[in-house]
Amino acid sequence: YGAEEIAEWRRSAPPLPPGRNTGPTVISSFGRDVASVSTEFRTT
């Protein structure tokens, strides 16, 4: 929760596993100023 906590996690996260793929990505907009983006991560 919060941009700072997310940025801290990125710097300490382990490397991505081989074979990881993304998708689908879903973008839902709510008017002109607000949107939500979700992406699934899959590994083979």
All heavy atoms as atom14 arrays in JSON, in Angstrom:
{
  "sequence": "YGAEEIAEWRRSAPPLPPGRNTGPTVISSFGRDVASVSTEFRTT",
  "atom14_mask": [
    [1, 1, 1, 1, 1, 1, 1, 1, 1, 1, 1, 1, 0, 0],
    [1, 1, 1, 1, 0, 0, 0, 0, 0, 0, 0, 0, 0, 0],
    [1, 1, 1, 1, 1, 0, 0, 0, 0, 0, 0, 0, 0, 0],
    [1, 1, 1, 1, 1, 1, 1, 1, 1, 0, 0, 0, 0, 0],
    [1, 1, 1, 1, 1, 1, 1, 1, 1, 0, 0, 0, 0, 0],
    [1, 1, 1, 1, 1, 1, 1, 1, 0, 0, 0, 0, 0, 0],
    [1, 1, 1, 1, 1, 0, 0, 0, 0, 0, 0, 0, 0, 0],
    [1, 1, 1, 1, 1, 1, 1, 1, 1, 0, 0, 0, 0, 0],
    [1, 1, 1, 1, 1, 1, 1, 1, 1, 1, 1, 1, 1, 1],
    [1, 1, 1, 1, 1, 1, 1, 1, 1, 1, 1, 0, 0, 0],
    [1, 1, 1, 1, 1, 1, 1, 1, 1, 1, 1, 0, 0, 0],
    [1, 1, 1, 1, 1, 1, 0, 0, 0, 0, 0, 0, 0, 0],
    [1, 1, 1, 1, 1, 0, 0, 0, 0, 0, 0, 0, 0, 0],
    [1, 1, 1, 1, 1, 1, 1, 0, 0, 0, 0, 0, 0, 0],
    [1, 1, 1, 1, 1, 1, 1, 0, 0, 0, 0, 0, 0, 0],
    [1, 1, 1, 1, 1, 1, 1, 1, 0, 0, 0, 0, 0, 0],
    [1, 1, 1, 1, 1, 1, 1, 0, 0, 0, 0, 0, 0, 0],
    [1, 1, 1, 1, 1, 1, 1, 0, 0, 0, 0, 0, 0, 0],
    [1, 1, 1, 1, 0, 0, 0, 0, 0, 0, 0, 0, 0, 0],
    [1, 1, 1, 1, 1, 1, 1, 1, 1, 1, 1, 0, 0, 0],
    [1, 1, 1, 1, 1, 1, 1, 1, 0, 0, 0, 0, 0, 0],
    [1, 1, 1, 1, 1, 1, 1, 0, 0, 0, 0, 0, 0, 0],
    [1, 1, 1, 1, 0, 0, 0, 0, 0, 0, 0, 0, 0, 0],
    [1, 1, 1, 1, 1, 1, 1, 0, 0, 0, 0, 0, 0, 0],
    [1, 1, 1, 1, 1, 1, 1, 0, 0, 0, 0, 0, 0, 0],
    [1, 1, 1, 1, 1, 1, 1, 0, 0, 0, 0, 0, 0, 0],
    [1, 1, 1, 1, 1, 1, 1, 1, 0, 0, 0, 0, 0, 0],
    [1, 1, 1, 1, 1, 1, 0, 0, 0, 0, 0, 0, 0, 0],
    [1, 1, 1, 1, 1, 1, 0, 0, 0, 0, 0, 0, 0, 0],
    [1, 1, 1, 1, 1, 1, 1, 1, 1, 1, 1, 0, 0, 0],
    [1, 1, 1, 1, 0, 0, 0, 0, 0, 0, 0, 0, 0, 0],
    [1, 1, 1, 1, 1, 1, 1, 1, 1, 1, 1, 0, 0, 0],
    [1, 1, 1, 1, 1, 1, 1, 1, 0, 0, 0, 0, 0, 0],
    [1, 1, 1, 1, 1, 1, 1, 0, 0, 0, 0, 0, 0, 0],
    [1, 1, 1, 1, 1, 0, 0, 0, 0, 0, 0, 0, 0, 0],
    [1, 1, 1, 1, 1, 1, 0, 0, 0, 0, 0, 0, 0, 0],
    [1, 1, 1, 1, 1, 1, 1, 0, 0, 0, 0, 0, 0, 0],
    [1, 1, 1, 1, 1, 1, 0, 0, 0, 0, 0, 0, 0, 0],
    [1, 1, 1, 1, 1, 1, 1, 0, 0, 0, 0, 0, 0, 0],
    [1, 1, 1, 1, 1, 1, 1, 1, 1, 0, 0, 0, 0, 0],
    [1, 1, 1, 1, 1, 1, 1, 1, 1, 1, 1, 0, 0, 0],
    [1, 1, 1, 1, 1, 1, 1, 1, 1, 1, 1, 0, 0, 0],
    [1, 1, 1, 1, 1, 1, 1, 0, 0, 0, 0, 0, 0, 0],
    [1, 1, 1, 1, 1, 1, 1, 0, 0, 0, 0, 0, 0, 0]
  ],
  "atom14_positions": [
    [[0.84, -1.19, 0.0], [0.0, 0.0, 0.0], [0.87, 1.24, 0.0], [1.7, 1.43, 0.88], [-0.92, -0.01, 1.23], [-1.81, -1.22, 1.24], [-1.45, -2.37, 1.92], [-3.0, -1.23, 0.54], [-2.25, -3.49, 1.92], [-3.82, -2.35, 0.53], [-3.44, -3.47, 1.23], [-4.24, -4.58, 1.22], [0.0, 0.0, 0.0], [0.0, 0.0, 0.0]],
    [[0.68, 2.07, -1.0], [1.43, 3.32, -1.12], [2.61, 3.19, -2.06], [3.28, 2.15, -2.11], [0.0, 0.0, 0.0], [0.0, 0.0, 0.0], [0.0, 0.0, 0.0], [0.0, 0.0, 0.0], [0.0, 0.0, 0.0], [0.0, 0.0, 0.0], [0.0, 0.0, 0.0], [0.0, 0.0, 0.0], [0.0, 0.0, 0.0], [0.0, 0.0, 0.0]],
    [[2.84, 4.24, -2.82], [3.91, 4.24, -3.83], [5.28, 3.99, -3.21], [6.11, 3.28, -3.78], [3.9, 5.56, -4.6], [0.0, 0.0, 0.0], [0.0, 0.0, 0.0], [0.0, 0.0, 0.0], [0.0, 0.0, 0.0], [0.0, 0.0, 0.0], [0.0, 0.0, 0.0], [0.0, 0.0, 0.0], [0.0, 0.0, 0.0], [0.0, 0.0, 0.0]],
    [[5.52, 4.53, -2.02], [6.82, 4.35, -1.38], [7.06, 2.89, -1.0], [8.14, 2.35, -1.23], [6.91, 5.24, -0.14], [8.28, 5.24, 0.49], [8.37, 6.23, 1.64], [7.82, 7.34, 1.52], [9.0, 5.86, 2.65], [0.0, 0.0, 0.0], [0.0, 0.0, 0.0], [0.0, 0.0, 0.0], [0.0, 0.0, 0.0], [0.0, 0.0, 0.0]],
    [[6.04, 2.24, -0.44], [6.18, 0.83, -0.06], [6.4, -0.04, -1.29], [7.2, -0.98, -1.27], [4.93, 0.38, 0.7], [5.05, -0.99, 1.32], [3.86, -1.32, 2.21], [3.55, -0.52, 3.11], [3.26, -2.38, 1.98], [0.0, 0.0, 0.0], [0.0, 0.0, 0.0], [0.0, 0.0, 0.0], [0.0, 0.0, 0.0], [0.0, 0.0, 0.0]],
    [[5.71, 0.28, -2.38], [5.86, -0.48, -3.62], [7.28, -0.3, -4.18], [7.92, -1.27, -4.58], [4.79, -0.07, -4.64], [3.4, -0.45, -4.11], [5.06, -0.7, -6.0], [2.24, 0.18, -4.88], [0.0, 0.0, 0.0], [0.0, 0.0, 0.0], [0.0, 0.0, 0.0], [0.0, 0.0, 0.0], [0.0, 0.0, 0.0], [0.0, 0.0, 0.0]],
    [[7.77, 0.94, -4.18], [9.12, 1.2, -4.68], [10.17, 0.47, -3.84], [11.12, -0.1, -4.37], [9.4, 2.7, -4.69], [0.0, 0.0, 0.0], [0.0, 0.0, 0.0], [0.0, 0.0, 0.0], [0.0, 0.0, 0.0], [0.0, 0.0, 0.0], [0.0, 0.0, 0.0], [0.0, 0.0, 0.0], [0.0, 0.0, 0.0], [0.0, 0.0, 0.0]],
    [[10.0, 0.45, -2.51], [10.92, -0.27, -1.64], [10.91, -1.76, -1.96], [11.96, -2.41, -1.99], [10.56, -0.04, -0.18], [10.87, 1.34, 0.32], [10.36, 1.59, 1.73], [9.98, 0.61, 2.42], [10.33, 2.76, 2.13], [0.0, 0.0, 0.0], [0.0, 0.0, 0.0], [0.0, 0.0, 0.0], [0.0, 0.0, 0.0], [0.0, 0.0, 0.0]],
    [[9.72, -2.31, -2.2], [9.62, -3.74, -2.53], [10.36, -4.05, -3.83], [11.07, -5.05, -3.91], [8.14, -4.14, -2.65], [8.0, -5.55, -3.1], [8.02, -6.68, -2.33], [7.86, -6.01, -4.45], [7.89, -7.8, -3.11], [7.79, -7.42, -4.43], [7.77, -5.37, -5.68], [7.65, -8.18, -5.57], [7.63, -6.13, -6.81], [7.57, -7.52, -6.76]],
    [[10.21, -3.19, -4.84], [10.88, -3.42, -6.13], [12.39, -3.56, -5.95], [13.04, -4.33, -6.65], [10.61, -2.28, -7.1], [9.26, -2.32, -7.73], [9.18, -1.3, -8.86], [7.8, -1.16, -9.23], [7.05, -0.09, -8.99], [7.57, 0.96, -8.41], [5.8, -0.06, -9.36], [0.0, 0.0, 0.0], [0.0, 0.0, 0.0], [0.0, 0.0, 0.0]],
    [[12.95, -2.78, -5.05], [14.4, -2.79, -4.86], [14.89, -4.0, -4.08], [16.08, -4.3, -4.09], [14.83, -1.49, -4.19], [14.87, -0.37, -5.22], [14.61, 1.0, -4.65], [14.65, 2.02, -5.7], [13.69, 2.25, -6.58], [12.58, 1.54, -6.56], [13.8, 3.18, -7.51], [0.0, 0.0, 0.0], [0.0, 0.0, 0.0], [0.0, 0.0, 0.0]],
    [[13.99, -4.7, -3.4], [14.41, -5.88, -2.63], [13.84, -7.18, -3.19], [14.15, -8.26, -2.67], [13.98, -5.73, -1.17], [12.56, -5.72, -1.08], [0.0, 0.0, 0.0], [0.0, 0.0, 0.0], [0.0, 0.0, 0.0], [0.0, 0.0, 0.0], [0.0, 0.0, 0.0], [0.0, 0.0, 0.0], [0.0, 0.0, 0.0], [0.0, 0.0, 0.0]],
    [[13.04, -7.1, -4.24], [12.39, -8.29, -4.8], [13.41, -9.2, -5.47], [14.38, -8.73, -6.06], [11.33, -7.87, -5.82], [0.0, 0.0, 0.0], [0.0, 0.0, 0.0], [0.0, 0.0, 0.0], [0.0, 0.0, 0.0], [0.0, 0.0, 0.0], [0.0, 0.0, 0.0], [0.0, 0.0, 0.0], [0.0, 0.0, 0.0], [0.0, 0.0, 0.0]],
    [[13.19, -10.51, -5.38], [14.09, -11.44, -6.06], [13.95, -11.32, -7.57], [12.94, -10.8, -8.07], [13.62, -12.82, -5.58], [12.21, -12.62, -5.14], [12.1, -11.19, -4.69], [0.0, 0.0, 0.0], [0.0, 0.0, 0.0], [0.0, 0.0, 0.0], [0.0, 0.0, 0.0], [0.0, 0.0, 0.0], [0.0, 0.0, 0.0], [0.0, 0.0, 0.0]],
    [[14.94, -11.79, -8.33], [14.84, -11.75, -9.8], [13.62, -12.52, -10.29], [13.14, -13.45, -9.62], [16.12, -12.41, -10.27], [17.02, -12.46, -9.09], [16.16, -12.41, -7.87], [0.0, 0.0, 0.0], [0.0, 0.0, 0.0], [0.0, 0.0, 0.0], [0.0, 0.0, 0.0], [0.0, 0.0, 0.0], [0.0, 0.0, 0.0], [0.0, 0.0, 0.0]],
    [[13.13, -12.14, -11.45], [11.99, -12.83, -12.04], [12.38, -14.24, -12.44], [13.48, -14.46, -12.95], [11.48, -12.08, -13.27], [10.95, -10.68, -13.03], [10.57, -10.02, -14.35], [9.77, -10.7, -12.09], [0.0, 0.0, 0.0], [0.0, 0.0, 0.0], [0.0, 0.0, 0.0], [0.0, 0.0, 0.0], [0.0, 0.0, 0.0], [0.0, 0.0, 0.0]],
    [[11.47, -15.2, -12.24], [11.81, -16.57, -12.65], [11.81, -16.7, -14.16], [11.08, -15.99, -14.85], [10.67, -17.39, -12.03], [9.54, -16.45, -11.88], [10.15, -15.1, -11.65], [0.0, 0.0, 0.0], [0.0, 0.0, 0.0], [0.0, 0.0, 0.0], [0.0, 0.0, 0.0], [0.0, 0.0, 0.0], [0.0, 0.0, 0.0], [0.0, 0.0, 0.0]],
    [[12.61, -17.63, -14.71], [12.59, -17.85, -16.15], [11.21, -18.35, -16.59], [10.52, -19.04, -15.84], [13.64, -18.92, -16.38], [14.18, -19.3, -15.07], [13.52, -18.49, -14.01], [0.0, 0.0, 0.0], [0.0, 0.0, 0.0], [0.0, 0.0, 0.0], [0.0, 0.0, 0.0], [0.0, 0.0, 0.0], [0.0, 0.0, 0.0], [0.0, 0.0, 0.0]],
    [[10.8, -17.96, -17.77], [9.53, -18.42, -18.32], [8.32, -17.64, -17.86], [7.2, -18.03, -18.11], [0.0, 0.0, 0.0], [0.0, 0.0, 0.0], [0.0, 0.0, 0.0], [0.0, 0.0, 0.0], [0.0, 0.0, 0.0], [0.0, 0.0, 0.0], [0.0, 0.0, 0.0], [0.0, 0.0, 0.0], [0.0, 0.0, 0.0], [0.0, 0.0, 0.0]],
    [[8.52, -16.53, -17.18], [7.38, -15.74, -16.72], [6.84, -14.9, -17.87], [7.58, -14.26, -18.6], [7.77, -14.83, -15.57], [6.57, -14.11, -15.0], [6.97, -13.33, -13.81], [6.76, -11.92, -14.11], [6.66, -10.98, -13.2], [6.81, -11.26, -11.95], [6.46, -9.73, -13.55], [0.0, 0.0, 0.0], [0.0, 0.0, 0.0], [0.0, 0.0, 0.0]],
    [[5.53, -14.93, -18.03], [4.85, -14.15, -19.07], [3.76, -13.3, -18.43], [3.29, -13.6, -17.34], [4.2, -15.09, -20.1], [5.22, -15.94, -20.8], [6.16, -15.43, -21.38], [5.06, -17.25, -20.72], [0.0, 0.0, 0.0], [0.0, 0.0, 0.0], [0.0, 0.0, 0.0], [0.0, 0.0, 0.0], [0.0, 0.0, 0.0], [0.0, 0.0, 0.0]],
    [[3.37, -12.25, -19.13], [2.3, -11.4, -18.63], [1.11, -11.44, -19.57], [1.24, -11.72, -20.75], [2.76, -9.93, -18.49], [3.16, -9.45, -19.76], [3.88, -9.8, -17.49], [0.0, 0.0, 0.0], [0.0, 0.0, 0.0], [0.0, 0.0, 0.0], [0.0, 0.0, 0.0], [0.0, 0.0, 0.0], [0.0, 0.0, 0.0], [0.0, 0.0, 0.0]],
    [[-0.05, -11.16, -19.0], [-1.25, -11.02, -19.8], [-2.34, -11.94, -19.31], [-2.06, -12.93, -18.64], [0.0, 0.0, 0.0], [0.0, 0.0, 0.0], [0.0, 0.0, 0.0], [0.0, 0.0, 0.0], [0.0, 0.0, 0.0], [0.0, 0.0, 0.0], [0.0, 0.0, 0.0], [0.0, 0.0, 0.0], [0.0, 0.0, 0.0], [0.0, 0.0, 0.0]],
    [[-3.54, -11.59, -19.52], [-3.97, -10.36, -20.18], [-3.85, -9.14, -19.26], [-3.77, -9.29, -18.05], [-5.43, -10.63, -20.51], [-5.88, -11.58, -19.44], [-4.67, -12.43, -19.14], [0.0, 0.0, 0.0], [0.0, 0.0, 0.0], [0.0, 0.0, 0.0], [0.0, 0.0, 0.0], [0.0, 0.0, 0.0], [0.0, 0.0, 0.0], [0.0, 0.0, 0.0]],
    [[-3.82, -7.98, -19.87], [-3.87, -6.71, -19.15], [-5.24, -6.1, -19.4], [-5.69, -6.05, -20.54], [-2.77, -5.74, -19.63], [-1.51, -6.32, -19.32], [-2.89, -4.38, -18.97], [0.0, 0.0, 0.0], [0.0, 0.0, 0.0], [0.0, 0.0, 0.0], [0.0, 0.0, 0.0], [0.0, 0.0, 0.0], [0.0, 0.0, 0.0], [0.0, 0.0, 0.0]],
    [[-5.89, -5.68, -18.32], [-7.22, -5.08, -18.42], [-7.13, -3.65, -17.9], [-6.67, -3.42, -16.78], [-8.26, -5.87, -17.6], [-9.61, -5.19, -17.65], [-8.34, -7.3, -18.09], [0.0, 0.0, 0.0], [0.0, 0.0, 0.0], [0.0, 0.0, 0.0], [0.0, 0.0, 0.0], [0.0, 0.0, 0.0], [0.0, 0.0, 0.0], [0.0, 0.0, 0.0]],
    [[-7.56, -2.69, -18.71], [-7.59, -1.28, -18.32], [-9.05, -0.84, -18.3], [-9.73, -0.94, -19.31], [-6.78, -0.4, -19.29], [-5.33, -0.9, -19.36], [-6.85, 1.06, -18.87], [-4.51, -0.25, -20.45], [0.0, 0.0, 0.0], [0.0, 0.0, 0.0], [0.0, 0.0, 0.0], [0.0, 0.0, 0.0], [0.0, 0.0, 0.0], [0.0, 0.0, 0.0]],
    [[-9.48, -0.37, -17.13], [-10.85, 0.13, -16.98], [-10.78, 1.61, -16.65], [-10.13, 1.99, -15.68], [-11.58, -0.61, -15.86], [-11.6, -1.99, -16.11], [0.0, 0.0, 0.0], [0.0, 0.0, 0.0], [0.0, 0.0, 0.0], [0.0, 0.0, 0.0], [0.0, 0.0, 0.0], [0.0, 0.0, 0.0], [0.0, 0.0, 0.0], [0.0, 0.0, 0.0]],
    [[-11.41, 2.43, -17.47], [-11.41, 3.87, -17.2], [-12.74, 4.28, -16.6], [-13.79, 3.71, -16.89], [-11.11, 4.67, -18.47], [-12.13, 4.45, -19.42], [0.0, 0.0, 0.0], [0.0, 0.0, 0.0], [0.0, 0.0, 0.0], [0.0, 0.0, 0.0], [0.0, 0.0, 0.0], [0.0, 0.0, 0.0], [0.0, 0.0, 0.0], [0.0, 0.0, 0.0]],
    [[-12.65, 5.26, -15.74], [-13.82, 5.8, -15.06], [-13.81, 7.31, -15.28], [-13.23, 8.06, -14.51], [-13.78, 5.46, -13.57], [-13.59, 3.99, -13.32], [-12.32, 3.46, -13.12], [-14.68, 3.14, -13.32], [-12.15, 2.09, -12.91], [-14.5, 1.77, -13.11], [-13.24, 1.25, -12.91], [0.0, 0.0, 0.0], [0.0, 0.0, 0.0], [0.0, 0.0, 0.0]],
    [[-14.41, 7.72, -16.39], [-14.33, 9.12, -16.78], [-13.0, 9.4, -17.45], [-12.32, 8.5, -17.94], [0.0, 0.0, 0.0], [0.0, 0.0, 0.0], [0.0, 0.0, 0.0], [0.0, 0.0, 0.0], [0.0, 0.0, 0.0], [0.0, 0.0, 0.0], [0.0, 0.0, 0.0], [0.0, 0.0, 0.0], [0.0, 0.0, 0.0], [0.0, 0.0, 0.0]],
    [[-12.62, 10.67, -17.47], [-11.39, 11.08, -18.16], [-10.16, 11.08, -17.27], [-9.04, 11.16, -17.75], [-11.59, 12.48, -18.74], [-12.65, 12.55, -19.81], [-12.87, 13.96, -20.25], [-11.6, 14.52, -20.7], [-11.45, 15.26, -21.77], [-12.49, 15.55, -22.5], [-10.28, 15.74, -22.11], [0.0, 0.0, 0.0], [0.0, 0.0, 0.0], [0.0, 0.0, 0.0]],
    [[-10.36, 11.0, -15.95], [-9.24, 11.21, -15.04], [-8.85, 10.02, -14.19], [-7.86, 10.08, -13.46], [-9.54, 12.38, -14.1], [-9.76, 13.68, -14.86], [-9.03, 13.91, -15.84], [-10.66, 14.44, -14.48], [0.0, 0.0, 0.0], [0.0, 0.0, 0.0], [0.0, 0.0, 0.0], [0.0, 0.0, 0.0], [0.0, 0.0, 0.0], [0.0, 0.0, 0.0]],
    [[-9.61, 8.93, -14.23], [-9.35, 7.8, -13.34], [-9.38, 6.5, -14.13], [-10.25, 6.3, -14.97], [-10.39, 7.74, -12.2], [-10.14, 6.55, -11.3], [-10.4, 9.02, -11.39], [0.0, 0.0, 0.0], [0.0, 0.0, 0.0], [0.0, 0.0, 0.0], [0.0, 0.0, 0.0], [0.0, 0.0, 0.0], [0.0, 0.0, 0.0], [0.0, 0.0, 0.0]],
    [[-8.42, 5.61, -13.83], [-8.4, 4.3, -14.47], [-7.8, 3.29, -13.51], [-7.08, 3.64, -12.57], [-7.6, 4.33, -15.76], [0.0, 0.0, 0.0], [0.0, 0.0, 0.0], [0.0, 0.0, 0.0], [0.0, 0.0, 0.0], [0.0, 0.0, 0.0], [0.0, 0.0, 0.0], [0.0, 0.0, 0.0], [0.0, 0.0, 0.0], [0.0, 0.0, 0.0]],
    [[-8.08, 2.03, -13.77], [-7.51, 0.92, -13.02], [-6.87, -0.03, -14.04], [-7.46, -0.3, -15.08], [-8.61, 0.19, -12.24], [-8.11, -0.97, -11.65], [0.0, 0.0, 0.0], [0.0, 0.0, 0.0], [0.0, 0.0, 0.0], [0.0, 0.0, 0.0], [0.0, 0.0, 0.0], [0.0, 0.0, 0.0], [0.0, 0.0, 0.0], [0.0, 0.0, 0.0]],
    [[-5.68, -0.51, -13.72], [-4.97, -1.42, -14.62], [-4.61, -2.68, -13.85], [-4.07, -2.62, -12.76], [-3.67, -0.77, -15.17], [-2.95, -1.73, -16.1], [-3.99, 0.54, -15.86], [0.0, 0.0, 0.0], [0.0, 0.0, 0.0], [0.0, 0.0, 0.0], [0.0, 0.0, 0.0], [0.0, 0.0, 0.0], [0.0, 0.0, 0.0], [0.0, 0.0, 0.0]],
    [[-4.92, -3.83, -14.44], [-4.57, -5.12, -13.84], [-3.9, -5.99, -14.89], [-4.33, -6.03, -16.04], [-5.83, -5.85, -13.35], [-6.49, -5.08, -12.37], [0.0, 0.0, 0.0], [0.0, 0.0, 0.0], [0.0, 0.0, 0.0], [0.0, 0.0, 0.0], [0.0, 0.0, 0.0], [0.0, 0.0, 0.0], [0.0, 0.0, 0.0], [0.0, 0.0, 0.0]],
    [[-2.83, -6.68, -14.48], [-2.12, -7.59, -15.37], [-1.88, -8.91, -14.65], [-1.44, -8.91, -13.51], [-0.77, -7.0, -15.81], [-0.99, -5.78, -16.51], [-0.02, -7.95, -16.73], [0.0, 0.0, 0.0], [0.0, 0.0, 0.0], [0.0, 0.0, 0.0], [0.0, 0.0, 0.0], [0.0, 0.0, 0.0], [0.0, 0.0, 0.0], [0.0, 0.0, 0.0]],
    [[-2.14, -10.01, -15.32], [-1.84, -11.33, -14.77], [-0.4, -11.69, -15.12], [0.1, -11.35, -16.18], [-2.75, -12.39, -15.38], [-4.15, -12.36, -14.88], [-4.96, -13.51, -15.46], [-4.41, -14.61, -15.7], [-6.16, -13.29, -15.69], [0.0, 0.0, 0.0], [0.0, 0.0, 0.0], [0.0, 0.0, 0.0], [0.0, 0.0, 0.0], [0.0, 0.0, 0.0]],
    [[0.24, -12.4, -14.21], [1.57, -12.93, -14.45], [1.47, -14.45, -14.42], [0.87, -15.02, -13.51], [2.55, -12.44, -13.4], [2.79, -10.96, -13.46], [2.0, -10.09, -12.75], [3.79, -10.46, -14.27], [2.2, -8.72, -12.82], [3.99, -9.09, -14.36], [3.2, -8.22, -13.63], [0.0, 0.0, 0.0], [0.0, 0.0, 0.0], [0.0, 0.0, 0.0]],
    [[2.07, -15.09, -15.38], [2.05, -16.56, -15.48], [3.46, -17.07, -15.67], [4.29, -16.39, -16.27], [1.2, -16.99, -16.66], [-0.23, -16.53, -16.58], [-1.0, -16.99, -17.79], [-2.36, -16.51, -17.69], [-3.06, -16.09, -18.71], [-2.53, -16.11, -19.91], [-4.29, -15.68, -18.54], [0.0, 0.0, 0.0], [0.0, 0.0, 0.0], [0.0, 0.0, 0.0]],
    [[3.7, -18.27, -15.18], [5.0, -18.88, -15.38], [4.81, -20.26, -15.99], [3.83, -20.94, -15.71], [5.8, -18.98, -14.06], [7.08, -19.54, -14.35], [5.1, -19.8, -13.02], [0.0, 0.0, 0.0], [0.0, 0.0, 0.0], [0.0, 0.0, 0.0], [0.0, 0.0, 0.0], [0.0, 0.0, 0.0], [0.0, 0.0, 0.0], [0.0, 0.0, 0.0]],
    [[5.74, -20.65, -16.83], [5.68, -21.96, -17.46], [6.49, -22.99, -16.68], [6.51, -24.15, -17.05], [6.2, -21.9, -18.91], [7.55, -21.39, -18.9], [5.33, -21.01, -19.77], [0.0, 0.0, 0.0], [0.0, 0.0, 0.0], [0.0, 0.0, 0.0], [0.0, 0.0, 0.0], [0.0, 0.0, 0.0], [0.0, 0.0, 0.0], [0.0, 0.0, 0.0]]
  ]
}
